[in-house]
């Protein structure tokens, strides 16, 4: 209860410091909301080499369809909302997105591997929210990218086909989360966001998960800090530092998950280099390590590296080819190499 009160006070303090006290009157004759339709087609042919799972198949890579609306309410206040549905490009159907939870799983009680849990609950697991924004900042309710992901994970998630959040090692990171009440504010200092997720079935408390994050600029370096805390005792902290100059950018993200049960902390880090060159071409390289900890048994520390080459054919269309190799750091789990080629078009 003490932690909940502290986090509540922090969120209210941010909102109070950022929002000027004013009385706003709204025009009754406001025009109907403007509606925008957009989306992304993205998929590719991916081959896997490792153990008994050698295969090549077509795979969807988070193709999506969006409907967004906004309405000027006057006095600098805008109402906004968005629906986003994941489309299975290879199967031709709608599907739920990543639930946004990563976990440590055991193999016979001796080997731990960091994996990503997918939640195929419904077609609104991606983005679905409505809110108000103005000089006071932005308030919204619904399913959105978590503040933690935007500040810590997103800056090192540049690949389209392999690597990044596609790689099998996984991150100790939330992605999208439903049932969020979120506040965001931007200023000369940078960006700050805080959210509270209710009814996530962690316990009977109204506020089940808190996420607080900020992004701040220090010259050519962008710093992201994040905290994601649940009422079951798990507490996730993260740090990102990204430098950008000319045609290059270098990023590093570090994650630490305190499980809260005394069995240890789970850590991971990923480094990323992006180089843009020639005729709209780019190269992304990544290296990451997961370091699960167990106070009772010895655990594996899997690592991966990935390379992806891409070229824009227009402002909306590109193709890419990539390779990814994972070292399981265990005799009980096969190493794996994946490679493939794909295409993306945004509209």
Protein backbone atom coordinates (compact mmCIF):
# COMPACT_ATOMS: atom_id res chain seq x y z
CA UNK A 1 0.00 0.00 0.00
CA UNK A 2 2.92 2.34 0.74
CA UNK A 3 4.34 1.82 -2.76
CA UNK A 4 0.93 2.53 -4.31
CA UNK A 5 0.61 5.80 -2.34
CA UNK A 6 4.12 6.87 -3.38
CA UNK A 7 3.44 6.18 -7.05
CA UNK A 8 0.05 7.91 -6.88
CA UNK A 9 1.64 11.00 -5.33
CA UNK A 10 4.36 11.01 -7.99
CA UNK A 11 1.84 10.82 -10.86
CA UNK A 12 -0.30 13.59 -9.38
CA UNK A 13 2.79 15.75 -8.79
CA UNK A 14 3.83 15.45 -12.44
CA UNK A 15 0.35 16.33 -13.61
CA UNK A 16 0.05 19.27 -11.21
CA UNK A 17 3.46 20.69 -12.16
CA UNK A 18 2.74 20.49 -15.88
CA UNK A 19 -0.87 21.65 -16.12
CA UNK A 20 -1.78 25.35 -15.71
CA UNK A 21 -4.87 26.09 -13.65
CA UNK A 22 -7.55 27.37 -16.02
CA UNK A 23 -11.25 27.17 -16.75
CA UNK A 24 -11.95 25.99 -20.29
CA UNK A 25 -15.23 26.48 -22.15
CA UNK A 26 -15.92 24.39 -25.25
CA UNK A 27 -17.74 25.35 -28.42
CA UNK A 28 -21.05 23.57 -28.87
CA UNK A 29 -20.86 23.73 -32.67
CA UNK A 30 -17.54 21.90 -33.08
CA UNK A 31 -17.11 20.14 -36.39
CA UNK A 32 -17.34 16.37 -36.68
CA UNK A 33 -14.08 14.51 -35.92
CA UNK A 34 -11.65 14.06 -38.78
CA UNK A 35 -10.91 10.40 -39.53
CA UNK A 36 -7.64 9.00 -40.91
CA UNK A 37 -7.08 5.44 -42.16
CA UNK A 38 -3.54 4.07 -42.21
CA UNK A 39 -1.66 0.83 -41.80
CA UNK A 40 1.28 -1.37 -42.64
CA UNK A 41 1.88 -4.46 -44.75
CA UNK A 42 4.98 -6.30 -43.53
CA UNK A 43 6.06 -9.91 -43.94
CA UNK A 44 8.77 -12.14 -45.31
CA UNK A 45 10.23 -15.55 -45.97
CA UNK A 46 12.15 -16.75 -42.88
CA UNK A 47 14.32 -19.87 -42.65
CA UNK A 48 15.45 -21.43 -39.37
CA UNK A 49 18.47 -23.68 -38.82
CA UNK A 50 18.88 -25.34 -35.43
CA UNK A 51 17.91 -28.58 -33.74
CA UNK A 52 14.83 -30.30 -35.11
CA UNK A 53 13.17 -27.08 -36.23
CA UNK A 54 14.85 -26.55 -39.62
CA UNK A 55 12.23 -24.97 -41.88
CA UNK A 56 11.40 -22.10 -44.23
CA UNK A 57 8.02 -20.41 -44.18
CA UNK A 58 6.23 -17.17 -44.83
CA UNK A 59 5.77 -15.09 -41.68
CA UNK A 60 3.76 -12.00 -40.85
CA UNK A 61 5.69 -9.21 -39.14
CA UNK A 62 3.09 -7.14 -37.29
CA UNK A 63 1.07 -5.97 -40.28
CA UNK A 64 -1.64 -3.64 -38.99
CA UNK A 65 -4.70 -1.56 -39.87
CA UNK A 66 -5.48 1.73 -38.07
CA UNK A 67 -8.41 4.08 -37.77
CA UNK A 68 -7.64 7.37 -36.02
CA UNK A 69 -9.91 10.32 -35.26
CA UNK A 70 -9.37 13.80 -33.84
CA UNK A 71 -11.59 16.80 -33.12
CA UNK A 72 -10.68 20.39 -32.26
CA UNK A 73 -12.72 21.34 -29.20
CA UNK A 74 -11.49 24.92 -29.10
CA UNK A 75 -9.29 26.71 -26.56
CA UNK A 76 -6.31 24.62 -27.58
CA UNK A 77 -7.93 21.31 -26.59
CA UNK A 78 -8.18 18.35 -28.97
CA UNK A 79 -10.01 15.05 -28.54
CA UNK A 80 -8.38 12.03 -30.16
CA UNK A 81 -8.81 8.28 -30.47
CA UNK A 82 -7.40 5.29 -32.34
CA UNK A 83 -8.20 1.66 -33.12
CA UNK A 84 -5.44 -0.62 -34.40
CA UNK A 85 -5.86 -4.25 -35.47
CA UNK A 86 -3.14 -6.76 -36.25
CA UNK A 87 -3.55 -8.37 -39.68
CA UNK A 88 -1.98 -11.76 -40.41
CA UNK A 89 -0.49 -11.04 -43.83
CA UNK A 90 0.37 -14.70 -44.48
CA UNK A 91 -3.03 -16.06 -43.37
CA UNK A 92 -5.39 -13.23 -44.31
CA UNK A 93 -7.09 -12.76 -40.94
CA UNK A 94 -7.25 -10.44 -37.93
CA UNK A 95 -5.36 -11.46 -34.84
CA UNK A 96 -4.48 -10.14 -31.38
CA UNK A 97 -1.00 -8.67 -30.86
CA UNK A 98 1.68 -9.27 -28.26
CA UNK A 99 0.18 -9.08 -24.82
CA UNK A 100 3.41 -7.47 -23.74
CA UNK A 101 4.71 -9.81 -21.04
CA UNK A 102 8.08 -11.53 -20.89
CA UNK A 103 8.82 -14.27 -18.41
CA UNK A 104 11.47 -16.73 -17.25
CA UNK A 105 10.62 -20.39 -17.84
CA UNK A 106 12.45 -23.43 -16.45
CA UNK A 107 13.52 -26.59 -18.23
CA UNK A 108 13.59 -29.42 -15.70
CA UNK A 109 14.40 -27.00 -12.89
CA UNK A 110 17.99 -26.56 -14.05
CA UNK A 111 17.98 -24.36 -17.17
CA UNK A 112 16.19 -21.06 -17.50
CA UNK A 113 15.54 -19.35 -20.81
CA UNK A 114 14.08 -15.91 -21.35
CA UNK A 115 11.09 -16.11 -23.66
CA UNK A 116 8.29 -13.85 -24.82
CA UNK A 117 4.69 -14.72 -24.01
CA UNK A 118 2.12 -13.86 -26.67
CA UNK A 119 -1.47 -13.18 -25.76
CA UNK A 120 -3.92 -13.87 -28.58
CA UNK A 121 -6.85 -12.63 -26.57
CA UNK A 122 -8.75 -10.43 -29.00
CA UNK A 123 -8.29 -8.05 -31.91
CA UNK A 124 -7.95 -4.98 -29.69
CA UNK A 125 -4.79 -6.13 -27.89
CA UNK A 126 -2.80 -3.73 -30.05
CA UNK A 127 -3.88 -0.09 -29.75
CA UNK A 128 -7.32 1.14 -28.75
CA UNK A 129 -7.61 4.41 -26.84
CA UNK A 130 -9.36 7.78 -26.51
CA UNK A 131 -8.28 10.98 -24.78
CA UNK A 132 -7.77 14.73 -24.59
CA UNK A 133 -4.64 16.80 -25.21
CA UNK A 134 -3.65 20.45 -25.00
CA UNK A 135 -1.28 22.76 -23.15
CA UNK A 136 -1.83 20.68 -20.03
CA UNK A 137 -0.37 17.57 -21.70
CA UNK A 138 -2.23 14.45 -22.81
CA UNK A 139 -4.65 12.17 -20.94
CA UNK A 140 -5.92 8.89 -22.42
CA UNK A 141 -7.55 5.61 -21.48
CA UNK A 142 -7.28 2.25 -23.24
CA UNK A 143 -4.60 0.00 -24.73
CA UNK A 144 -1.32 1.76 -25.61
CA UNK A 145 2.43 1.28 -25.82
CA UNK A 146 3.73 1.39 -22.25
CA UNK A 147 5.84 4.38 -21.16
CA UNK A 148 8.64 1.90 -20.38
CA UNK A 149 8.71 0.51 -23.93
CA UNK A 150 8.72 3.96 -25.54
CA UNK A 151 11.63 5.22 -23.42
CA UNK A 152 13.82 2.12 -23.01
CA UNK A 153 12.99 -0.64 -25.52
CA UNK A 154 11.80 1.17 -28.66
CA UNK A 155 15.12 2.97 -29.35
CA UNK A 156 16.90 -0.39 -29.87
CA UNK A 157 14.08 -2.06 -31.83
CA UNK A 158 14.92 -0.91 -35.38
CA UNK A 159 14.82 -4.21 -37.28
CA UNK A 160 11.91 -5.27 -39.51
CA UNK A 161 12.44 -9.02 -39.89
CA UNK A 162 14.82 -10.52 -37.28
CA UNK A 163 16.67 -9.30 -34.22
CA UNK A 164 15.10 -6.73 -31.89
CA UNK A 165 11.91 -8.00 -30.28
CA UNK A 166 11.77 -10.76 -32.93
CA UNK A 167 14.83 -12.57 -31.56
CA UNK A 168 14.25 -15.67 -29.38
CA UNK A 169 16.19 -14.44 -26.35
CA UNK A 170 13.52 -11.83 -25.72
CA UNK A 171 13.52 -8.71 -23.55
CA UNK A 172 12.41 -8.32 -19.97
CA UNK A 173 10.12 -5.60 -21.21
CA UNK A 174 6.43 -4.76 -21.51
CA UNK A 175 5.22 -3.75 -24.98
CA UNK A 176 1.55 -2.78 -25.29
CA UNK A 177 -0.76 -2.96 -22.28
CA UNK A 178 -4.51 -2.74 -21.98
CA UNK A 179 -6.63 -1.04 -19.31
CA UNK A 180 -4.21 1.89 -19.01
CA UNK A 181 -4.92 5.37 -17.70
CA UNK A 182 -2.03 7.41 -19.11
CA UNK A 183 -0.71 10.94 -18.79
CA UNK A 184 2.03 12.33 -21.08
CA UNK A 185 3.74 15.71 -21.17
CA UNK A 186 6.42 17.16 -23.46
CA UNK A 187 8.53 20.26 -22.96
CA UNK A 188 11.99 21.71 -23.45
CA UNK A 189 13.24 19.20 -20.87
CA UNK A 190 12.08 16.19 -22.90
CA UNK A 191 9.12 13.82 -22.52
CA UNK A 192 7.53 12.28 -19.42
CA UNK A 193 4.78 9.67 -19.28
CA UNK A 194 3.08 7.85 -16.42
CA UNK A 195 0.38 5.18 -16.66
CA UNK A 196 -1.68 3.03 -14.34
CA UNK A 197 -3.12 -0.27 -15.55
CA UNK A 198 -6.29 -1.41 -13.82
CA UNK A 199 -7.97 -4.83 -13.94
CA UNK A 200 -4.89 -6.74 -15.15
CA UNK A 201 -5.75 -9.57 -12.72
CA UNK A 202 -2.54 -9.20 -10.70
CA UNK A 203 -4.60 -8.92 -7.51
CA UNK A 204 -7.79 -7.31 -6.30
CA UNK A 205 -6.35 -3.77 -6.20
CA UNK A 206 -7.61 -1.25 -8.74
CA UNK A 207 -4.09 -0.16 -9.76
CA UNK A 208 -2.35 -3.41 -10.74
CA UNK A 209 0.60 -2.03 -12.73
CA UNK A 210 2.37 1.34 -12.70
CA UNK A 211 4.67 2.50 -15.50
CA UNK A 212 6.72 5.70 -15.28
CA UNK A 213 9.28 6.78 -17.88
CA UNK A 214 11.00 9.81 -19.30
CA UNK A 215 13.21 10.73 -22.25
CA UNK A 216 15.68 13.60 -21.98
CA UNK A 217 18.21 15.12 -24.38
CA UNK A 218 21.84 15.78 -23.52
CA UNK A 219 23.28 17.30 -26.69
CA UNK A 220 23.48 14.53 -29.33
CA UNK A 221 22.62 11.88 -26.71
CA UNK A 222 19.06 10.88 -25.78
CA UNK A 223 18.57 9.29 -22.35
CA UNK A 224 15.55 7.14 -21.51
CA UNK A 225 14.66 5.98 -17.99
CA UNK A 226 11.83 3.62 -17.13
CA UNK A 227 10.11 1.94 -14.18
CA UNK A 228 7.40 -0.72 -14.49
CA UNK A 229 6.05 -2.00 -11.18
CA UNK A 230 3.34 -4.57 -10.42
CA UNK A 231 1.54 -5.26 -7.17
CA UNK A 232 2.75 -8.88 -7.15
CA UNK A 233 6.26 -7.72 -6.19
CA UNK A 234 7.91 -7.59 -9.62
CA UNK A 235 9.73 -4.34 -10.32
CA UNK A 236 11.35 -3.59 -13.68
CA UNK A 237 13.83 -0.77 -14.23
CA UNK A 238 15.54 0.19 -17.46
CA UNK A 239 17.96 2.64 -19.04
CA UNK A 240 18.56 3.62 -22.66
CA UNK A 241 21.25 5.85 -24.11
CA UNK A 242 21.20 6.64 -27.84
CA UNK A 243 23.67 8.80 -29.75
CA UNK A 244 22.89 10.07 -33.22
CA UNK A 245 25.18 11.95 -35.56
CA UNK A 246 25.22 12.25 -39.34
CA UNK A 247 24.27 8.91 -40.90
CA UNK A 248 24.98 6.88 -37.76
CA UNK A 249 23.24 6.13 -34.49
CA UNK A 250 24.35 3.93 -31.59
CA UNK A 251 22.02 2.79 -28.82
CA UNK A 252 22.30 0.76 -25.62
CA UNK A 253 19.49 -0.48 -23.36
CA UNK A 254 19.79 -2.22 -20.00
CA UNK A 255 16.97 -4.02 -18.17
CA UNK A 256 16.70 -5.28 -14.59
CA UNK A 257 13.69 -7.22 -13.31
CA UNK A 258 13.43 -7.76 -9.55
CA UNK A 259 11.11 -10.75 -9.19
CA UNK A 260 10.28 -9.75 -5.63
CA UNK A 261 10.25 -13.33 -4.31
CA UNK A 262 13.89 -13.52 -3.23
CA UNK A 263 14.91 -15.93 -6.02
CA UNK A 264 17.00 -13.37 -7.91
CA UNK A 265 16.90 -10.66 -10.54
CA UNK A 266 16.67 -11.06 -14.31
CA UNK A 267 18.85 -8.76 -16.38
CA UNK A 268 19.39 -8.17 -20.08
CA UNK A 269 21.12 -5.66 -22.32
CA UNK A 270 21.16 -4.91 -26.03
CA UNK A 271 23.41 -2.69 -28.16
CA UNK A 272 22.40 -1.44 -31.62
CA UNK A 273 24.19 0.39 -34.44
CA UNK A 274 22.32 1.88 -37.42
CA UNK A 275 24.10 3.18 -40.52
CA UNK A 276 22.27 4.92 -43.37
CA UNK A 277 24.13 5.23 -46.67
CA UNK A 278 23.95 5.28 -50.48
CA UNK A 279 20.61 5.24 -52.27
CA UNK A 280 18.23 5.06 -49.27
CA UNK A 281 20.05 2.03 -47.88
CA UNK A 282 20.63 1.15 -44.23
CA UNK A 283 22.37 -1.46 -42.11
CA UNK A 284 21.28 -2.41 -38.58
CA UNK A 285 23.47 -4.54 -36.32
CA UNK A 286 22.56 -5.73 -32.81
CA UNK A 287 24.06 -7.76 -29.99
CA UNK A 288 22.22 -8.71 -26.82
CA UNK A 289 22.61 -10.88 -23.72
CA UNK A 290 20.02 -12.17 -21.23
CA UNK A 291 21.24 -12.84 -17.70
CA UNK A 292 18.55 -14.60 -15.66
CA UNK A 293 19.53 -15.15 -12.05
CA UNK A 294 18.53 -17.97 -9.73
CA UNK A 295 19.75 -18.24 -6.14
CA UNK A 296 19.29 -22.03 -6.18
CA UNK A 297 20.31 -23.38 -9.60
CA UNK A 298 22.78 -22.47 -12.35
CA UNK A 299 21.08 -20.75 -15.26
CA UNK A 300 22.03 -20.18 -18.87
CA UNK A 301 22.84 -16.72 -20.24
CA UNK A 302 21.73 -16.82 -23.89
CA UNK A 303 22.99 -14.19 -26.32
CA UNK A 304 22.28 -13.20 -29.91
CA UNK A 305 23.55 -11.05 -32.74
CA UNK A 306 21.62 -9.83 -35.77
CA UNK A 307 22.27 -7.92 -39.01
CA UNK A 308 19.67 -6.43 -41.32
CA UNK A 309 20.16 -4.66 -44.64
CA UNK A 310 17.32 -2.56 -45.99
CA UNK A 311 16.58 -0.23 -48.87
CA UNK A 312 13.73 2.21 -49.34
CA UNK A 313 12.09 1.94 -52.75
CA UNK A 314 9.96 5.02 -51.97
CA UNK A 315 8.89 7.01 -48.92
CA UNK A 316 6.39 4.26 -48.11
CA UNK A 317 7.90 1.01 -49.44
CA UNK A 318 11.09 -0.88 -48.60
CA UNK A 319 12.65 -4.33 -48.77
CA UNK A 320 15.05 -5.92 -46.29
CA UNK A 321 17.13 -9.03 -45.66
CA UNK A 322 18.51 -10.20 -42.33
CA UNK A 323 20.29 -12.90 -40.34
CA UNK A 324 20.19 -13.67 -36.65
CA UNK A 325 22.18 -16.17 -34.58
CA UNK A 326 21.39 -17.22 -31.02
CA UNK A 327 23.80 -18.89 -28.60
CA UNK A 328 21.70 -20.71 -25.99
CA UNK A 329 24.67 -21.11 -23.61
CA UNK A 330 23.36 -24.56 -22.72
CA UNK A 331 23.83 -28.16 -23.83
CA UNK A 332 20.11 -28.73 -23.24
CA UNK A 333 18.94 -26.03 -25.67
CA UNK A 334 19.95 -25.90 -29.34
CA UNK A 335 21.64 -22.85 -30.80
CA UNK A 336 19.68 -21.36 -33.67
CA UNK A 337 20.30 -19.35 -36.83
CA UNK A 338 17.53 -17.62 -38.76
CA UNK A 339 17.71 -15.70 -42.01
CA UNK A 340 15.23 -14.28 -44.47
CA UNK A 341 14.04 -11.56 -46.80
CA UNK A 342 10.91 -9.42 -46.62
CA UNK A 343 8.99 -6.34 -47.70
CA UNK A 344 7.12 -3.52 -45.98
CA UNK A 345 4.68 -0.92 -47.28
CA UNK A 346 3.07 1.81 -45.16
CA UNK A 347 -0.05 3.72 -46.14
